[in-house]
Amino acid sequence: MTTTRIEPLRRNARIITRAVSADLVQVATPERVIGFVRAEHDSFVAIKGANPHWGEVVGRYATQGMALEALRQRKRSI
């Protein structure tokens, strides 16, 4: 039996971003949508889930890159 830690898999996961509107970016793996990043005033909000209106807010971040990383590193996202 081989045991593989999940953290390296999440770290190496390939994510794809697609601009939905001027202030909303969809974040996905090749298989499914994991969430969205919404620009609000001077911060970026990471939203976990397939629908930005009903998703779970993960947090607010200073940069879009930090919000993307928060979604990618989130347990059970990938």
C-alpha atoms as a PDB file:
ATOM      1  CA  MET A   1       0.000   0.000   0.000  1.00  0.00           C
ATOM      2  CA  THR A   2       1.314   3.447  -0.914  1.00  0.00           C
ATOM      3  CA  THR A   3       0.435   6.532   1.084  1.00  0.00           C
ATOM      4  CA  THR A   4       0.537   9.954  -0.579  1.00  0.00           C
ATOM      5  CA  ARG A   5       0.172  13.181   1.347  1.00  0.00           C
ATOM      6  CA  ILE A   6      -2.495  15.493  -0.068  1.00  0.00           C
ATOM      7  CA  GLU A   7      -0.587  18.763   0.543  1.00  0.00           C
ATOM      8  CA  PRO A   8       1.956  18.188  -2.266  1.00  0.00           C
ATOM      9  CA  LEU A   9      -0.904  17.303  -4.598  1.00  0.00           C
ATOM     10  CA  ARG A  10      -2.710  20.575  -3.798  1.00  0.00           C
ATOM     11  CA  ARG A  11       0.512  22.545  -4.171  1.00  0.00           C
ATOM     12  CA  ASN A  12       1.108  21.058  -7.620  1.00  0.00           C
ATOM     13  CA  ALA A  13      -2.506  21.304  -8.792  1.00  0.00           C
ATOM     14  CA  ARG A  14      -2.992  23.171 -12.054  1.00  0.00           C
ATOM     15  CA  ILE A  15      -5.600  25.904 -11.873  1.00  0.00           C
ATOM     16  CA  ILE A  16      -7.208  27.775 -14.730  1.00  0.00           C
ATOM     17  CA  THR A  17      -8.610  31.294 -14.423  1.00  0.00           C
ATOM     18  CA  ARG A  18     -11.239  32.882 -16.642  1.00  0.00           C
ATOM     19  CA  ALA A  19     -12.565  36.435 -16.402  1.00  0.00           C
ATOM     20  CA  VAL A  20     -16.357  36.307 -16.018  1.00  0.00           C
ATOM     21  CA  SER A  21     -16.711  40.090 -15.719  1.00  0.00           C
ATOM     22  CA  ALA A  22     -14.517  43.096 -14.918  1.00  0.00           C
ATOM     23  CA  ASP A  23     -14.533  42.261 -11.190  1.00  0.00           C
ATOM     24  CA  LEU A  24     -15.062  38.463 -11.142  1.00  0.00           C
ATOM     25  CA  VAL A  25     -12.619  35.664 -12.040  1.00  0.00           C
ATOM     26  CA  GLN A  26     -13.567  31.977 -12.164  1.00  0.00           C
ATOM     27  CA  VAL A  27     -10.984  29.557 -10.714  1.00  0.00           C
ATOM     28  CA  ALA A  28     -11.063  25.945 -11.885  1.00  0.00           C
ATOM     29  CA  THR A  29      -9.073  22.766 -12.286  1.00  0.00           C
ATOM     30  CA  PRO A  30      -9.282  20.980 -15.638  1.00  0.00           C
ATOM     31  CA  GLU A  31     -12.109  18.882 -14.121  1.00  0.00           C
ATOM     32  CA  ARG A  32     -14.302  21.381 -12.229  1.00  0.00           C
ATOM     33  CA  VAL A  33     -14.887  24.893 -10.888  1.00  0.00           C
ATOM     34  CA  ILE A  34     -13.448  25.370  -7.392  1.00  0.00           C
ATOM     35  CA  GLY A  35     -14.416  28.980  -6.813  1.00  0.00           C
ATOM     36  CA  PHE A  36     -14.251  32.641  -7.749  1.00  0.00           C
ATOM     37  CA  VAL A  37     -12.231  35.726  -6.897  1.00  0.00           C
ATOM     38  CA  ARG A  38     -14.193  38.980  -6.721  1.00  0.00           C
ATOM     39  CA  ALA A  39     -12.522  42.405  -6.674  1.00  0.00           C
ATOM     40  CA  GLU A  40     -14.037  44.700  -4.031  1.00  0.00           C
ATOM     41  CA  HIS A  41     -12.648  48.181  -3.362  1.00  0.00           C
ATOM     42  CA  ASP A  42      -9.032  47.576  -2.237  1.00  0.00           C
ATOM     43  CA  SER A  43      -9.250  43.816  -1.668  1.00  0.00           C
ATOM     44  CA  PHE A  44     -10.013  40.513  -3.355  1.00  0.00           C
ATOM     45  CA  VAL A  45     -12.594  38.082  -1.953  1.00  0.00           C
ATOM     46  CA  ALA A  46     -12.044  34.334  -2.448  1.00  0.00           C
ATOM     47  CA  ILE A  47     -15.339  32.435  -2.804  1.00  0.00           C
ATOM     48  CA  LYS A  48     -15.378  28.625  -2.694  1.00  0.00           C
ATOM     49  CA  GLY A  49     -18.026  26.859  -4.770  1.00  0.00           C
ATOM     50  CA  ALA A  50     -19.426  26.554  -8.273  1.00  0.00           C
ATOM     51  CA  ASN A  51     -21.771  29.559  -7.929  1.00  0.00           C
ATOM     52  CA  PRO A  52     -20.404  32.948  -6.818  1.00  0.00           C
ATOM     53  CA  HIS A  53     -23.801  33.978  -5.403  1.00  0.00           C
ATOM     54  CA  TRP A  54     -24.136  30.955  -3.106  1.00  0.00           C
ATOM     55  CA  GLY A  55     -20.500  30.053  -2.439  1.00  0.00           C
ATOM     56  CA  GLU A  56     -18.651  30.141   0.879  1.00  0.00           C
ATOM     57  CA  VAL A  57     -16.410  33.160   1.453  1.00  0.00           C
ATOM     58  CA  VAL A  58     -12.912  31.919   2.264  1.00  0.00           C
ATOM     59  CA  GLY A  59     -11.456  35.333   3.056  1.00  0.00           C
ATOM     60  CA  ARG A  60     -10.346  38.795   1.891  1.00  0.00           C
ATOM     61  CA  TYR A  61      -6.854  39.281   0.515  1.00  0.00           C
ATOM     62  CA  ALA A  62      -4.628  42.182  -0.523  1.00  0.00           C
ATOM     63  CA  THR A  63      -3.860  40.744  -3.979  1.00  0.00           C
ATOM     64  CA  GLN A  64      -5.635  38.572  -6.507  1.00  0.00           C
ATOM     65  CA  GLY A  65      -2.739  36.103  -6.378  1.00  0.00           C
ATOM     66  CA  MET A  66      -3.197  35.600  -2.644  1.00  0.00           C
ATOM     67  CA  ALA A  67      -6.919  34.949  -3.161  1.00  0.00           C
ATOM     68  CA  LEU A  68      -6.156  32.409  -5.911  1.00  0.00           C
ATOM     69  CA  GLU A  69      -3.678  30.635  -3.625  1.00  0.00           C
ATOM     70  CA  ALA A  70      -6.240  30.554  -0.813  1.00  0.00           C
ATOM     71  CA  LEU A  71      -8.665  28.697  -3.092  1.00  0.00           C
ATOM     72  CA  ARG A  72      -5.997  26.343  -4.417  1.00  0.00           C
ATOM     73  CA  GLN A  73      -4.693  25.489  -0.945  1.00  0.00           C
ATOM     74  CA  ARG A  74      -8.154  25.115   0.608  1.00  0.00           C
ATOM     75  CA  LYS A  75      -8.757  21.564   1.824  1.00  0.00           C
ATOM     76  CA  ARG A  76     -11.404  19.691  -0.136  1.00  0.00           C
ATOM     77  CA  SER A  77     -11.277  22.251  -2.977  1.00  0.00           C
ATOM     78  CA  ILE A  78      -9.036  20.113  -5.148  1.00  0.00           C
END
